[in-house]
Amino acid sequence: MRSTKNNSTVSLITAASMILGLAAVEETARTQAAHAATTSSARLLAQTVDGKQGIPLTSTTVANIAEKVAPAIVNIEVNQPFMTGNISGFPFGNIPDGFDFFFNGQRMNPRGGGGSQARPNMPERHNTGTGFIVREDGYIVTNAHVVKNSSKINVTLNDKRQFIATTVGIDTFSDLAVLKIAATGLPTAEMGTSTTLRPGEFVIAIGSPMGYDHSVTLGIVSAVGRTVTDVNGNINFIQTDAAINPGNSGGPLLNLVGQVVGVNTAIAARAQNIGFSIPIDIAKPTVTDLIANKKIERPFLGLKVGELTESVLQGLGLPKSTLGVFISQVFNNGSAAKSGIERMDIVQKIDGKDIRTAQQLQDAVRARKVGETLSFMILRNKAAKAITVTIGSYPSEPASHQEKSAPKSDSSGGEHGDDE
């Protein structure tokens, strides 16, 4: 009897354990199913928000992209003369306060006064930049300020092969340049589009910050269509917080497909992770024309504009209600000077349309072609005057222009850094 009772007890314990075990298995299965559902929902959310498709970011996404694109990215080392004053390689002369261009641990040049040119036997400096291969027969894109006035350009590929590069073309308007090395069968970077970029999208920068080649950083698009007249008023930049530093200049900004969406150009030196890139849809036609050795003609008047402030109006003896755009500088040999535009003129209309901002003046010029004319209505010495201005072509050396009349701080009203 005792044995039978003990056997019954063992059977009950075993059955209870089996039930508990099945319950635990079922609970684990439910937990795993719930986790899978949550993960699936998260992935779905990551990929589609308001009907817009995205790309899931995993622990290896950036590494895979960097590994794929790295062979098409090059390190550029240049020898350039030290120059004081204006920099002919920078689109508008002096480097603006608060912005750095990505050279090897130093700013491009001290700020200074009048223009300067490279001279024989001048001491040289060694600088580093970045570029990316766009054609398998050795064509490389970088920034104009990286290679301008260089006596020697050395390109190092990802596989450590080195080449002496020649300059195919330089476009100071967009700050883009194309180099050529004697090599074939090279890997190329895939061009994407910048037109669909939105703030918040992930982007990747690869370059040679401080000479550390093929450094990879991840960030987001902070803004698009950013106007930074102190850097280059010709470009509506992509702003990014992807860490970029001296040496990154000319390197690619990539999307999460590994396509180039921008060319890294400048950073706000007194801030953290505020960088600016030239949108690739602006760069592509310029690069194509440079490779084809086509002359790139862009509308240019040869003037600078300033804010029409209360102090400016007071200095000119005009009422506070006066509207228009104040001309702060006019360059010799520019089409504006040849057409009769003078410093301290106030542009009030172009082709019958009211002009209230520098952007409106810029848009009016860029909507026309080189050689066409614009009808200006200006205010000079308190009197309205009509002037017909023939549009000139953007010069290859804009910084070499001499000002027809130098700006004065008491009447310039805050000078804009961009030429038009």
Protein backbone atom coordinates (compact mmCIF):
# COMPACT_ATOMS: atom_id res chain seq x y z
CA MET A 1 0.00 0.00 0.00
CA ARG A 2 2.77 2.41 0.95
CA SER A 3 4.55 1.72 -2.33
CA THR A 4 1.42 2.38 -4.35
CA LYS A 5 0.85 5.62 -2.49
CA ASN A 6 4.39 6.74 -3.11
CA ASN A 7 4.05 5.95 -6.79
CA SER A 8 0.86 8.01 -6.98
CA THR A 9 2.63 10.93 -5.33
CA VAL A 10 5.51 10.74 -7.79
CA SER A 11 3.04 10.63 -10.68
CA LEU A 12 1.25 13.73 -9.40
CA ILE A 13 4.51 15.64 -8.98
CA THR A 14 5.65 14.65 -12.46
CA ALA A 15 2.33 15.66 -14.00
CA ALA A 16 2.43 19.01 -12.18
CA SER A 17 5.98 19.63 -13.40
CA MET A 18 4.95 18.84 -16.94
CA ILE A 19 2.03 21.27 -16.69
CA LEU A 20 4.30 23.98 -15.28
CA GLY A 21 6.83 23.28 -18.01
CA LEU A 22 4.21 23.55 -20.73
CA ALA A 23 2.99 26.80 -19.21
CA ALA A 24 6.53 28.20 -19.21
CA VAL A 25 7.02 27.16 -22.84
CA GLU A 26 3.73 28.78 -23.79
CA GLU A 27 4.67 31.99 -21.92
CA THR A 28 8.07 32.06 -23.63
CA ALA A 29 6.41 31.55 -26.99
CA ARG A 30 3.96 34.37 -26.28
CA THR A 31 6.84 36.66 -25.20
CA GLN A 32 8.85 35.85 -28.31
CA ALA A 33 5.83 36.40 -30.52
CA ALA A 34 5.11 39.75 -28.86
CA HIS A 35 8.78 40.78 -29.23
CA ALA A 36 8.75 39.74 -32.88
CA ALA A 37 5.59 41.72 -33.48
CA THR A 38 7.06 44.77 -31.75
CA THR A 39 10.29 44.47 -33.74
CA SER A 40 8.34 44.05 -36.96
CA SER A 41 6.26 47.12 -36.16
CA ALA A 42 9.39 49.10 -35.33
CA ARG A 43 11.01 48.08 -38.59
CA LEU A 44 7.85 48.95 -40.48
CA LEU A 45 7.75 52.32 -38.73
CA ALA A 46 11.42 52.88 -39.56
CA GLN A 47 10.81 52.09 -43.20
CA THR A 48 7.53 53.89 -43.79
CA VAL A 49 6.39 57.12 -42.15
CA ASP A 50 3.48 58.88 -43.81
CA GLY A 51 3.98 56.69 -46.85
CA LYS A 52 7.65 57.63 -47.30
CA GLN A 53 10.05 54.72 -47.62
CA GLY A 54 13.12 54.60 -45.38
CA ILE A 55 16.05 52.31 -44.68
CA PRO A 56 16.47 50.39 -41.38
CA LEU A 57 19.67 51.41 -39.58
CA THR A 58 21.41 48.37 -38.10
CA SER A 59 24.74 48.00 -36.33
CA THR A 60 26.47 47.24 -39.63
CA THR A 61 24.67 49.59 -42.05
CA VAL A 62 27.24 52.39 -41.91
CA ALA A 63 30.18 49.95 -41.90
CA ASN A 64 28.84 48.23 -45.01
CA ILE A 65 28.40 51.54 -46.82
CA ALA A 66 31.84 52.77 -45.82
CA GLU A 67 33.42 49.51 -46.97
CA LYS A 68 31.61 49.74 -50.30
CA VAL A 69 32.44 53.39 -51.05
CA ALA A 70 35.94 53.65 -49.52
CA PRO A 71 37.81 52.45 -52.66
CA ALA A 72 36.40 55.44 -54.59
CA ILE A 73 37.55 58.02 -52.02
CA VAL A 74 41.03 59.51 -52.24
CA ASN A 75 43.35 61.52 -50.04
CA ILE A 76 44.69 64.69 -51.66
CA GLU A 77 47.94 66.36 -50.57
CA VAL A 78 48.93 69.67 -52.10
CA ASN A 79 51.78 72.13 -51.98
CA GLN A 80 50.50 75.70 -52.05
CA PRO A 81 52.19 79.06 -51.55
CA PHE A 82 51.63 81.05 -48.39
CA MET A 83 49.73 84.20 -49.31
CA THR A 84 48.62 87.13 -47.22
CA GLY A 85 45.49 89.14 -47.84
CA ASN A 86 42.83 87.86 -50.19
CA ILE A 87 42.83 84.25 -51.34
CA SER A 88 42.38 83.86 -55.05
CA GLY A 89 41.25 80.28 -54.55
CA PHE A 90 38.33 81.31 -52.35
CA PRO A 91 35.27 82.43 -54.31
CA PHE A 92 35.14 85.89 -52.75
CA GLY A 93 38.62 86.66 -51.43
CA ASN A 94 38.94 86.79 -47.66
CA ILE A 95 37.95 83.86 -45.49
CA PRO A 96 34.99 85.00 -43.41
CA ASP A 97 35.22 85.09 -39.64
CA GLY A 98 33.61 82.04 -38.08
CA PHE A 99 34.13 79.62 -40.98
CA ASP A 100 36.92 77.15 -41.64
CA PHE A 101 37.72 75.35 -44.85
CA PHE A 102 38.92 71.82 -44.46
CA PHE A 103 42.66 71.96 -44.71
CA ASN A 104 45.14 70.07 -42.61
CA GLY A 105 44.82 71.61 -39.17
CA GLN A 106 44.89 75.26 -40.19
CA ARG A 107 42.73 77.89 -41.80
CA MET A 108 43.38 78.49 -45.46
CA ASN A 109 44.93 81.90 -44.92
CA PRO A 110 44.98 84.82 -42.49
CA ARG A 111 42.41 87.49 -43.13
CA GLY A 112 43.88 90.61 -44.58
CA GLY A 113 43.66 93.57 -46.90
CA GLY A 114 44.19 93.76 -50.62
CA GLY A 115 44.49 90.95 -53.13
CA SER A 116 47.61 88.82 -53.51
CA GLN A 117 49.01 86.39 -56.01
CA ALA A 118 51.37 83.46 -55.78
CA ARG A 119 54.88 84.63 -56.60
CA PRO A 120 58.02 82.71 -57.62
CA ASN A 121 60.15 81.43 -54.74
CA MET A 122 57.38 82.02 -52.20
CA PRO A 123 57.46 79.57 -49.27
CA GLU A 124 54.95 76.75 -49.60
CA ARG A 125 52.73 74.93 -47.16
CA HIS A 126 51.56 71.34 -47.22
CA ASN A 127 47.79 70.83 -47.01
CA THR A 128 45.43 67.88 -47.07
CA GLY A 129 42.00 67.46 -48.62
CA THR A 130 39.70 64.73 -49.92
CA GLY A 131 38.20 63.76 -53.26
CA PHE A 132 36.14 61.00 -54.85
CA ILE A 133 36.50 59.19 -58.15
CA VAL A 134 33.67 59.78 -60.64
CA ARG A 135 35.09 57.98 -63.69
CA GLU A 136 37.07 54.76 -63.82
CA ASP A 137 39.68 56.40 -66.06
CA GLY A 138 40.91 58.61 -63.23
CA TYR A 139 38.66 61.69 -62.95
CA ILE A 140 38.32 62.95 -59.37
CA VAL A 141 36.03 65.59 -57.85
CA THR A 142 37.17 67.86 -55.01
CA ASN A 143 36.85 71.49 -53.90
CA ALA A 144 38.45 74.29 -55.88
CA HIS A 145 39.98 75.79 -52.74
CA VAL A 146 41.76 72.51 -52.06
CA VAL A 147 43.83 72.58 -55.26
CA LYS A 148 43.83 76.20 -56.47
CA ASN A 149 47.35 77.56 -57.06
CA SER A 150 48.94 74.23 -56.16
CA SER A 151 52.44 73.53 -57.42
CA LYS A 152 51.97 69.80 -56.82
CA ILE A 153 48.93 67.58 -56.20
CA ASN A 154 49.50 64.08 -54.85
CA VAL A 155 46.58 61.61 -54.79
CA THR A 156 46.60 58.48 -52.62
CA LEU A 157 44.03 55.76 -53.31
CA ASN A 158 42.48 53.51 -50.70
CA ASP A 159 44.85 50.72 -51.79
CA LYS A 160 47.79 53.09 -51.01
CA ARG A 161 48.79 53.64 -54.64
CA GLN A 162 49.96 57.19 -55.22
CA PHE A 163 49.66 59.39 -58.31
CA ILE A 164 50.57 62.92 -59.30
CA ALA A 165 47.33 64.58 -60.39
CA THR A 166 46.74 67.27 -63.00
CA THR A 167 43.95 69.82 -62.80
CA VAL A 168 41.31 69.33 -65.49
CA GLY A 169 39.22 72.33 -64.50
CA ILE A 170 38.35 74.66 -61.64
CA ASP A 171 35.06 76.48 -61.11
CA THR A 172 35.40 79.17 -58.45
CA PHE A 173 31.69 79.99 -58.65
CA SER A 174 30.72 76.65 -57.12
CA ASP A 175 34.09 75.92 -55.44
CA LEU A 176 34.42 72.67 -57.40
CA ALA A 177 37.41 71.19 -59.23
CA VAL A 178 38.13 68.08 -61.29
CA LEU A 179 41.51 66.30 -61.18
CA LYS A 180 42.91 63.55 -63.40
CA ILE A 181 45.32 60.74 -62.55
CA ALA A 182 46.91 58.30 -64.98
CA ALA A 183 44.99 55.17 -64.00
CA THR A 184 42.21 53.00 -65.40
CA GLY A 185 39.74 50.48 -64.03
CA LEU A 186 39.22 52.50 -60.87
CA PRO A 187 36.18 52.10 -58.59
CA THR A 188 33.77 55.03 -58.75
CA ALA A 189 31.37 56.67 -56.33
CA GLU A 190 27.72 56.42 -57.31
CA MET A 191 25.97 59.76 -57.73
CA GLY A 192 22.65 60.17 -55.97
CA THR A 193 20.31 63.15 -55.82
CA SER A 194 20.09 65.99 -53.33
CA THR A 195 16.70 67.25 -54.46
CA THR A 196 14.75 64.88 -52.22
CA LEU A 197 16.85 65.27 -49.08
CA ARG A 198 14.91 66.15 -45.95
CA PRO A 199 16.10 67.43 -42.55
CA GLY A 200 16.53 64.46 -40.23
CA GLU A 201 17.78 61.98 -42.84
CA PHE A 202 20.94 60.08 -41.93
CA VAL A 203 24.08 60.98 -43.88
CA ILE A 204 27.67 59.74 -43.78
CA ALA A 205 30.87 61.73 -44.30
CA ILE A 206 34.10 60.03 -45.35
CA GLY A 207 37.34 61.95 -45.69
CA SER A 208 40.77 62.78 -44.32
CA PRO A 209 40.22 65.00 -41.26
CA MET A 210 43.55 66.21 -39.90
CA GLY A 211 45.19 63.85 -42.39
CA TYR A 212 43.55 60.69 -40.98
CA ASP A 213 42.40 59.29 -44.31
CA HIS A 214 39.13 57.40 -44.78
CA SER A 215 37.64 58.50 -41.46
CA VAL A 216 33.91 57.75 -41.28
CA THR A 217 31.33 59.81 -39.39
CA LEU A 218 27.54 59.58 -39.15
CA GLY A 219 25.03 62.37 -38.71
CA ILE A 220 21.85 63.79 -40.11
CA VAL A 221 20.80 66.46 -42.57
CA SER A 222 20.23 69.46 -40.31
CA ALA A 223 18.78 71.68 -43.04
CA VAL A 224 18.58 72.00 -46.82
CA GLY A 225 18.69 75.08 -49.03
CA ARG A 226 20.84 76.85 -46.47
CA THR A 227 22.17 80.21 -47.67
CA VAL A 228 25.53 81.10 -46.14
CA THR A 229 26.70 84.25 -47.90
CA ASP A 230 29.93 84.41 -45.87
CA VAL A 231 30.97 81.05 -47.32
CA ASN A 232 29.57 81.15 -50.85
CA GLY A 233 26.38 83.01 -51.62
CA ASN A 234 26.13 81.20 -54.95
CA ILE A 235 25.18 77.89 -53.31
CA ASN A 236 22.19 76.78 -51.28
CA PHE A 237 24.02 74.34 -49.02
CA ILE A 238 23.10 71.13 -47.26
CA GLN A 239 23.72 71.67 -43.55
CA THR A 240 24.78 68.57 -41.63
CA ASP A 241 25.91 67.62 -38.14
CA ALA A 242 28.02 64.69 -39.39
CA ALA A 243 31.41 65.42 -37.86
CA ILE A 244 33.69 66.99 -40.47
CA ASN A 245 37.01 68.63 -39.77
CA PRO A 246 40.06 70.13 -41.51
CA GLY A 247 41.01 67.69 -44.28
CA ASN A 248 37.43 66.68 -45.13
CA SER A 249 37.09 69.34 -47.81
CA GLY A 250 36.09 67.88 -51.19
CA GLY A 251 34.97 64.58 -49.70
CA PRO A 252 31.54 63.03 -50.24
CA LEU A 253 28.43 63.27 -48.13
CA LEU A 254 26.58 59.97 -48.58
CA ASN A 255 23.05 58.75 -48.06
CA LEU A 256 22.27 55.33 -46.57
CA VAL A 257 22.30 53.76 -50.01
CA GLY A 258 25.94 54.75 -50.38
CA GLN A 259 25.25 57.42 -53.01
CA VAL A 260 26.94 60.81 -53.02
CA VAL A 261 24.44 63.56 -52.15
CA GLY A 262 26.87 66.39 -51.39
CA VAL A 263 30.46 67.63 -51.48
CA ASN A 264 31.70 68.68 -48.02
CA THR A 265 33.03 72.23 -48.09
CA ALA A 266 33.05 74.26 -44.85
CA ILE A 267 32.27 74.26 -41.15
CA ALA A 268 31.19 76.93 -38.70
CA ALA A 269 34.42 77.18 -36.72
CA ARG A 270 32.87 78.57 -33.53
CA ALA A 271 30.22 75.87 -33.32
CA GLN A 272 30.09 72.10 -32.98
CA ASN A 273 29.05 69.94 -35.92
CA ILE A 274 27.66 72.63 -38.18
CA GLY A 275 28.97 71.70 -41.61
CA PHE A 276 28.00 72.66 -45.14
CA SER A 277 28.01 70.58 -48.31
CA ILE A 278 27.44 71.49 -51.94
CA PRO A 279 24.33 69.60 -53.14
CA ILE A 280 25.30 66.95 -55.70
CA ASP A 281 22.62 68.11 -58.14
CA ILE A 282 24.45 71.44 -58.31
CA ALA A 283 27.82 69.69 -58.62
CA LYS A 284 26.96 67.16 -61.35
CA PRO A 285 26.45 69.51 -64.32
CA THR A 286 29.50 71.55 -63.31
CA VAL A 287 31.66 68.43 -63.11
CA THR A 288 30.37 67.22 -66.47
CA ASP A 289 31.25 70.55 -68.11
CA LEU A 290 34.69 70.65 -66.52
CA ILE A 291 35.51 67.15 -67.75
CA ALA A 292 34.27 68.08 -71.24
CA ASN A 293 36.44 71.23 -71.08
CA LYS A 294 33.39 73.39 -71.71
CA LYS A 295 33.43 77.06 -70.82
CA ILE A 296 31.01 77.60 -67.96
CA GLU A 297 29.29 80.96 -68.30
CA ARG A 298 27.25 82.26 -65.42
CA PRO A 299 25.55 85.66 -65.11
CA PHE A 300 27.64 88.15 -63.15
CA LEU A 301 27.43 91.92 -62.65
CA GLY A 302 30.44 92.58 -60.43
CA LEU A 303 28.88 94.24 -57.43
CA LYS A 304 28.15 93.66 -53.78
CA VAL A 305 25.05 94.70 -51.90
CA GLY A 306 24.46 95.82 -48.35
CA GLU A 307 21.50 96.24 -46.07
CA LEU A 308 19.58 99.47 -46.48
CA THR A 309 19.68 100.41 -42.81
CA GLU A 310 18.42 103.49 -41.04
CA SER A 311 21.97 104.81 -40.71
CA VAL A 312 22.59 104.37 -44.45
CA LEU A 313 19.39 106.22 -45.30
CA GLN A 314 20.28 108.97 -42.86
CA GLY A 315 23.74 109.29 -44.41
CA LEU A 316 22.19 109.60 -47.88
CA GLY A 317 19.59 112.07 -46.67
CA LEU A 318 16.70 109.77 -47.57
CA PRO A 319 13.50 109.10 -45.63
CA LYS A 320 13.21 105.94 -43.52
CA SER A 321 10.43 104.68 -45.80
CA THR A 322 12.84 104.35 -48.77
CA LEU A 323 12.90 100.80 -50.14
CA GLY A 324 15.43 98.97 -52.28
CA VAL A 325 18.86 97.31 -52.19
CA PHE A 326 21.98 99.31 -51.40
CA ILE A 327 25.08 98.86 -53.61
CA SER A 328 28.06 98.67 -51.24
CA GLN A 329 30.78 97.82 -53.79
CA VAL A 330 31.27 97.93 -57.54
CA PHE A 331 34.21 96.19 -59.20
CA ASN A 332 36.32 97.64 -61.98
CA ASN A 333 35.86 95.94 -65.36
CA GLY A 334 32.61 94.32 -64.22
CA SER A 335 29.48 94.76 -66.30
CA ALA A 336 27.79 96.80 -63.56
CA ALA A 337 30.62 99.36 -63.60
CA LYS A 338 30.68 99.43 -67.40
CA SER A 339 26.94 100.01 -67.47
CA GLY A 340 27.13 102.96 -65.07
CA ILE A 341 26.11 101.44 -61.72
CA GLU A 342 27.89 103.21 -58.85
CA ARG A 343 28.53 102.53 -55.21
CA MET A 344 25.80 103.95 -52.96
CA ASP A 345 23.16 103.53 -55.67
CA ILE A 346 19.90 102.06 -54.41
CA VAL A 347 18.33 99.50 -56.76
CA GLN A 348 14.56 99.81 -56.54
CA LYS A 349 13.34 97.98 -59.65
CA ILE A 350 14.66 95.50 -62.21
CA ASP A 351 12.63 95.03 -65.38
CA GLY A 352 9.73 96.81 -63.70
CA LYS A 353 9.65 94.52 -60.65
CA ASP A 354 10.20 95.85 -57.15
CA ILE A 355 13.53 94.86 -55.58
CA ARG A 356 13.50 94.77 -51.79
CA THR A 357 16.14 92.17 -50.89
CA ALA A 358 19.56 91.03 -52.06
CA GLN A 359 18.03 87.65 -52.88
CA GLN A 360 15.53 89.26 -55.25
CA LEU A 361 18.35 91.07 -57.06
CA GLN A 362 20.34 87.84 -57.26
CA ASP A 363 17.37 85.90 -58.60
CA ALA A 364 16.70 88.54 -61.26
CA VAL A 365 20.29 88.32 -62.53
CA ARG A 366 20.48 84.53 -62.50
CA ALA A 367 17.22 84.19 -64.38
CA ARG A 368 18.92 85.70 -67.43
CA LYS A 369 21.83 84.65 -69.64
CA VAL A 370 25.23 86.20 -70.19
CA GLY A 371 24.93 88.99 -72.77
CA GLU A 372 21.28 89.77 -72.04
CA THR A 373 20.23 93.09 -70.55
CA LEU A 374 18.36 94.16 -67.43
CA SER A 375 16.53 97.45 -66.93
CA PHE A 376 17.52 98.89 -63.55
CA MET A 377 15.67 101.72 -61.85
CA ILE A 378 18.00 103.16 -59.24
CA LEU A 379 17.93 105.99 -56.73
CA ARG A 380 21.05 108.19 -56.88
CA ASN A 381 21.45 111.54 -55.16
CA LYS A 382 17.74 111.44 -54.25
CA ALA A 383 16.75 111.17 -57.93
CA ALA A 384 15.44 108.19 -59.89
CA LYS A 385 17.60 107.06 -62.80
CA ALA A 386 17.09 104.33 -65.40
CA ILE A 387 20.14 102.27 -66.38
CA THR A 388 20.38 99.36 -68.80
CA VAL A 389 22.85 96.76 -67.53
CA THR A 390 24.39 94.13 -69.79
CA ILE A 391 25.00 90.88 -67.92
CA GLY A 392 28.61 89.74 -67.85
CA SER A 393 30.17 86.34 -67.17
CA TYR A 394 31.43 85.20 -63.80
CA PRO A 395 35.24 85.62 -63.84
CA SER A 396 37.67 82.76 -63.25
CA GLU A 397 39.49 84.95 -60.72
CA PRO A 398 36.75 86.94 -58.93
CA ALA A 399 39.02 87.87 -56.05
CA SER A 400 41.41 89.61 -58.43
CA HIS A 401 38.84 92.31 -59.21
CA GLN A 402 39.77 95.69 -57.83
CA GLU A 403 37.01 97.63 -56.16
CA LYS A 404 35.93 100.74 -58.02
CA SER A 405 35.34 102.38 -54.66
CA ALA A 406 36.21 100.80 -51.35
CA PRO A 407 33.38 100.34 -48.86
CA LYS A 408 33.25 102.58 -45.82
CA SER A 409 31.97 101.23 -42.55
CA ASP A 410 29.89 104.34 -41.87
CA SER A 411 27.78 103.93 -45.00
CA SER A 412 28.02 100.36 -46.20
CA GLY A 413 25.23 99.28 -43.93
CA GLY A 414 26.51 95.78 -43.38
CA GLU A 415 28.07 94.38 -46.50
CA HIS A 416 26.94 91.05 -47.92
CA GLY A 417 29.75 88.63 -48.69
CA ASP A 418 28.47 87.54 -52.06
CA ASP A 419 29.20 89.03 -55.45
CA GLU A 420 26.46 89.32 -58.05
